[in-house]
Amino acid sequence: MPQVPDETVSFKKERDDSDKVQAILQAVYAALEEKGYNPVHQLVGYMISGDPAYITSHNNARNLICKVDRDEILEILLKNYLQQ
């Protein structure tokens, strides 16, 4: 059985692209909505799997979402959610 480490590993990446990420998420959300998809479900599918097929190519949404690392999206979403 693998041994569990005693110390917590720290994950930190310095970035300040929250405005860019927000603009991309809003554009992707709008494109998914325009095509009749449930944007939240599609974005969750993408975030869990990493498969860009969950995102429509309509209005270049798939290319836009691929310009941002999923961990960066998750970090910004969590930060904004917890600060409310």
N, C-alpha and C. Protein backbone atom coordinates (compact mmCIF):
# COMPACT_ATOMS: atom_id res chain seq x y z
N MET A 1 0.85 -1.17 0.00
CA MET A 1 0.00 0.00 0.00
C MET A 1 0.90 1.25 0.00
N PRO A 2 0.61 2.22 -0.89
CA PRO A 2 1.45 3.43 -0.94
C PRO A 2 1.33 4.24 0.35
N GLN A 3 2.42 4.83 0.73
CA GLN A 3 2.44 5.64 1.94
C GLN A 3 1.93 7.05 1.62
N VAL A 4 1.09 7.58 2.49
CA VAL A 4 0.52 8.91 2.33
C VAL A 4 1.52 9.91 2.92
N PRO A 5 1.88 10.95 2.12
CA PRO A 5 2.83 11.93 2.67
C PRO A 5 2.23 12.71 3.83
N ASP A 6 3.09 13.13 4.76
CA ASP A 6 2.65 13.89 5.92
C ASP A 6 2.43 15.36 5.63
N GLU A 7 3.08 15.88 4.60
CA GLU A 7 3.02 17.30 4.30
C GLU A 7 2.12 17.57 3.10
N THR A 8 1.49 18.72 3.14
CA THR A 8 0.64 19.15 2.04
C THR A 8 1.50 19.73 0.93
N VAL A 9 1.21 19.33 -0.29
CA VAL A 9 1.92 19.87 -1.45
C VAL A 9 1.27 21.18 -1.83
N SER A 10 2.08 22.18 -2.10
CA SER A 10 1.56 23.50 -2.45
C SER A 10 1.53 23.66 -3.96
N PHE A 11 0.40 24.12 -4.48
CA PHE A 11 0.24 24.37 -5.91
C PHE A 11 0.05 25.86 -6.09
N LYS A 12 0.96 26.47 -6.83
CA LYS A 12 0.84 27.91 -7.05
C LYS A 12 1.38 28.26 -8.42
N LYS A 13 0.58 28.95 -9.17
CA LYS A 13 0.97 29.48 -10.46
C LYS A 13 0.59 30.94 -10.48
N GLU A 14 1.53 31.81 -10.71
CA GLU A 14 1.23 33.24 -10.75
C GLU A 14 0.61 33.58 -12.10
N ARG A 15 -0.56 34.19 -12.06
CA ARG A 15 -1.21 34.64 -13.29
C ARG A 15 -2.23 35.71 -12.96
N ASP A 16 -2.43 36.53 -13.93
CA ASP A 16 -3.40 37.60 -13.76
C ASP A 16 -4.14 37.81 -15.08
N ASP A 17 -4.73 36.72 -15.56
CA ASP A 17 -5.45 36.76 -16.83
C ASP A 17 -6.95 36.63 -16.63
N SER A 18 -7.44 37.01 -15.47
CA SER A 18 -8.85 36.76 -15.17
C SER A 18 -9.78 37.50 -16.14
N ASP A 19 -9.40 38.69 -16.60
CA ASP A 19 -10.25 39.40 -17.56
C ASP A 19 -10.31 38.65 -18.89
N LYS A 20 -9.17 38.14 -19.34
CA LYS A 20 -9.12 37.38 -20.59
C LYS A 20 -9.96 36.10 -20.48
N VAL A 21 -9.79 35.40 -19.37
CA VAL A 21 -10.53 34.15 -19.16
C VAL A 21 -12.03 34.44 -19.08
N GLN A 22 -12.40 35.49 -18.38
CA GLN A 22 -13.82 35.84 -18.27
C GLN A 22 -14.41 36.14 -19.64
N ALA A 23 -13.70 36.87 -20.47
CA ALA A 23 -14.18 37.20 -21.81
C ALA A 23 -14.34 35.94 -22.66
N ILE A 24 -13.39 35.02 -22.55
CA ILE A 24 -13.47 33.76 -23.31
C ILE A 24 -14.64 32.93 -22.82
N LEU A 25 -14.81 32.80 -21.51
CA LEU A 25 -15.93 32.02 -20.98
C LEU A 25 -17.27 32.61 -21.39
N GLN A 26 -17.38 33.93 -21.39
CA GLN A 26 -18.63 34.57 -21.80
C GLN A 26 -18.91 34.31 -23.28
N ALA A 27 -17.88 34.38 -24.11
CA ALA A 27 -18.05 34.13 -25.55
C ALA A 27 -18.43 32.68 -25.80
N VAL A 28 -17.78 31.76 -25.11
CA VAL A 28 -18.08 30.33 -25.27
C VAL A 28 -19.50 30.04 -24.78
N TYR A 29 -19.86 30.59 -23.64
CA TYR A 29 -21.20 30.43 -23.07
C TYR A 29 -22.25 30.89 -24.09
N ALA A 30 -22.04 32.07 -24.66
CA ALA A 30 -22.99 32.62 -25.63
C ALA A 30 -23.09 31.75 -26.88
N ALA A 31 -21.97 31.25 -27.36
CA ALA A 31 -21.98 30.39 -28.55
C ALA A 31 -22.73 29.09 -28.28
N LEU A 32 -22.50 28.49 -27.11
CA LEU A 32 -23.21 27.26 -26.75
C LEU A 32 -24.71 27.51 -26.65
N GLU A 33 -25.06 28.62 -26.04
CA GLU A 33 -26.47 28.97 -25.88
C GLU A 33 -27.13 29.20 -27.24
N GLU A 34 -26.44 29.91 -28.13
CA GLU A 34 -26.97 30.17 -29.48
C GLU A 34 -27.23 28.88 -30.24
N LYS A 35 -26.40 27.88 -30.02
CA LYS A 35 -26.58 26.60 -30.71
C LYS A 35 -27.58 25.68 -30.01
N GLY A 36 -28.14 26.12 -28.89
CA GLY A 36 -29.18 25.35 -28.22
C GLY A 36 -28.67 24.36 -27.18
N TYR A 37 -27.41 24.44 -26.84
CA TYR A 37 -26.86 23.57 -25.80
C TYR A 37 -27.05 24.19 -24.43
N ASN A 38 -26.97 23.37 -23.39
CA ASN A 38 -26.94 23.87 -22.02
C ASN A 38 -25.47 24.23 -21.75
N PRO A 39 -25.14 25.52 -21.72
CA PRO A 39 -23.74 25.92 -21.59
C PRO A 39 -23.05 25.39 -20.33
N VAL A 40 -23.76 25.35 -19.22
CA VAL A 40 -23.15 24.87 -17.98
C VAL A 40 -22.79 23.40 -18.11
N HIS A 41 -23.70 22.59 -18.63
CA HIS A 41 -23.42 21.16 -18.79
C HIS A 41 -22.25 20.93 -19.73
N GLN A 42 -22.22 21.66 -20.83
CA GLN A 42 -21.16 21.49 -21.81
C GLN A 42 -19.80 21.91 -21.22
N LEU A 43 -19.78 23.01 -20.51
CA LEU A 43 -18.53 23.48 -19.91
C LEU A 43 -18.05 22.53 -18.81
N VAL A 44 -18.96 21.98 -18.04
CA VAL A 44 -18.58 21.00 -17.02
C VAL A 44 -17.99 19.76 -17.70
N GLY A 45 -18.63 19.30 -18.75
CA GLY A 45 -18.09 18.15 -19.49
C GLY A 45 -16.68 18.41 -19.99
N TYR A 46 -16.48 19.60 -20.52
CA TYR A 46 -15.14 19.97 -21.00
C TYR A 46 -14.14 20.04 -19.85
N MET A 47 -14.53 20.67 -18.75
CA MET A 47 -13.62 20.82 -17.61
C MET A 47 -13.23 19.47 -17.02
N ILE A 48 -14.15 18.54 -16.95
CA ILE A 48 -13.86 17.22 -16.38
C ILE A 48 -13.01 16.37 -17.32
N SER A 49 -13.38 16.38 -18.61
CA SER A 49 -12.72 15.47 -19.55
C SER A 49 -11.53 16.07 -20.29
N GLY A 50 -11.56 17.38 -20.50
CA GLY A 50 -10.53 18.01 -21.32
C GLY A 50 -10.79 17.86 -22.80
N ASP A 51 -11.91 17.26 -23.14
CA ASP A 51 -12.26 17.02 -24.55
C ASP A 51 -12.94 18.25 -25.14
N PRO A 52 -12.30 18.94 -26.08
CA PRO A 52 -12.90 20.15 -26.65
C PRO A 52 -14.15 19.88 -27.48
N ALA A 53 -14.47 18.61 -27.73
CA ALA A 53 -15.68 18.28 -28.49
C ALA A 53 -16.94 18.69 -27.73
N TYR A 54 -16.83 18.94 -26.43
CA TYR A 54 -17.98 19.42 -25.66
C TYR A 54 -18.32 20.88 -26.00
N ILE A 55 -17.40 21.57 -26.66
CA ILE A 55 -17.58 22.98 -26.99
C ILE A 55 -17.83 23.12 -28.48
N THR A 56 -18.86 23.85 -28.83
CA THR A 56 -19.19 24.06 -30.23
C THR A 56 -18.10 24.85 -30.94
N SER A 57 -17.99 24.63 -32.24
CA SER A 57 -17.05 25.43 -33.03
C SER A 57 -17.71 26.73 -33.50
N HIS A 58 -19.00 26.88 -33.23
CA HIS A 58 -19.75 28.08 -33.59
C HIS A 58 -19.07 29.32 -32.99
N ASN A 59 -18.91 30.35 -33.79
CA ASN A 59 -18.27 31.61 -33.37
C ASN A 59 -16.87 31.40 -32.79
N ASN A 60 -16.19 30.35 -33.28
CA ASN A 60 -14.81 30.07 -32.89
C ASN A 60 -14.66 29.71 -31.40
N ALA A 61 -15.75 29.28 -30.77
CA ALA A 61 -15.74 29.00 -29.33
C ALA A 61 -14.74 27.91 -28.95
N ARG A 62 -14.65 26.86 -29.75
CA ARG A 62 -13.74 25.75 -29.42
C ARG A 62 -12.29 26.23 -29.43
N ASN A 63 -11.93 27.00 -30.42
CA ASN A 63 -10.56 27.53 -30.48
C ASN A 63 -10.28 28.47 -29.32
N LEU A 64 -11.27 29.27 -28.95
CA LEU A 64 -11.09 30.19 -27.84
C LEU A 64 -10.82 29.46 -26.53
N ILE A 65 -11.65 28.45 -26.22
CA ILE A 65 -11.52 27.75 -24.94
C ILE A 65 -10.19 27.01 -24.86
N CYS A 66 -9.66 26.58 -26.01
CA CYS A 66 -8.39 25.85 -26.02
C CYS A 66 -7.19 26.77 -25.80
N LYS A 67 -7.40 28.08 -25.82
CA LYS A 67 -6.32 29.03 -25.57
C LYS A 67 -6.03 29.21 -24.08
N VAL A 68 -6.89 28.64 -23.23
CA VAL A 68 -6.75 28.81 -21.79
C VAL A 68 -6.62 27.42 -21.14
N ASP A 69 -5.67 27.28 -20.23
CA ASP A 69 -5.52 26.02 -19.50
C ASP A 69 -6.73 25.80 -18.60
N ARG A 70 -7.18 24.56 -18.52
CA ARG A 70 -8.34 24.25 -17.68
C ARG A 70 -8.06 24.56 -16.22
N ASP A 71 -6.84 24.35 -15.75
CA ASP A 71 -6.55 24.66 -14.35
C ASP A 71 -6.66 26.16 -14.09
N GLU A 72 -6.36 26.97 -15.10
CA GLU A 72 -6.51 28.42 -14.94
C GLU A 72 -7.99 28.80 -14.87
N ILE A 73 -8.81 28.18 -15.69
CA ILE A 73 -10.26 28.42 -15.65
C ILE A 73 -10.80 28.04 -14.28
N LEU A 74 -10.44 26.87 -13.82
CA LEU A 74 -10.92 26.38 -12.53
C LEU A 74 -10.48 27.29 -11.39
N GLU A 75 -9.23 27.74 -11.43
CA GLU A 75 -8.73 28.62 -10.39
C GLU A 75 -9.53 29.93 -10.33
N ILE A 76 -9.79 30.51 -11.49
CA ILE A 76 -10.52 31.77 -11.54
C ILE A 76 -11.98 31.58 -11.11
N LEU A 77 -12.59 30.50 -11.57
CA LEU A 77 -13.98 30.22 -11.17
C LEU A 77 -14.09 30.04 -9.65
N LEU A 78 -13.20 29.26 -9.07
CA LEU A 78 -13.24 29.03 -7.63
C LEU A 78 -12.99 30.32 -6.86
N LYS A 79 -12.00 31.07 -7.30
CA LYS A 79 -11.68 32.33 -6.63
C LYS A 79 -12.89 33.27 -6.65
N ASN A 80 -13.52 33.41 -7.80
CA ASN A 80 -14.69 34.29 -7.90
C ASN A 80 -15.87 33.77 -7.12
N TYR A 81 -16.08 32.48 -7.13
CA TYR A 81 -17.20 31.88 -6.39
C TYR A 81 -17.04 32.08 -4.88
N LEU A 82 -15.84 31.84 -4.40
CA LEU A 82 -15.60 31.91 -2.96
C LEU A 82 -15.52 33.34 -2.44
N GLN A 83 -15.28 34.31 -3.31
CA GLN A 83 -15.20 35.70 -2.89
C GLN A 83 -16.57 36.38 -2.85
N GLN A 84 -17.60 35.72 -3.30
CA GLN A 84 -18.94 36.33 -3.33
C GLN A 84 -19.56 36.33 -1.96
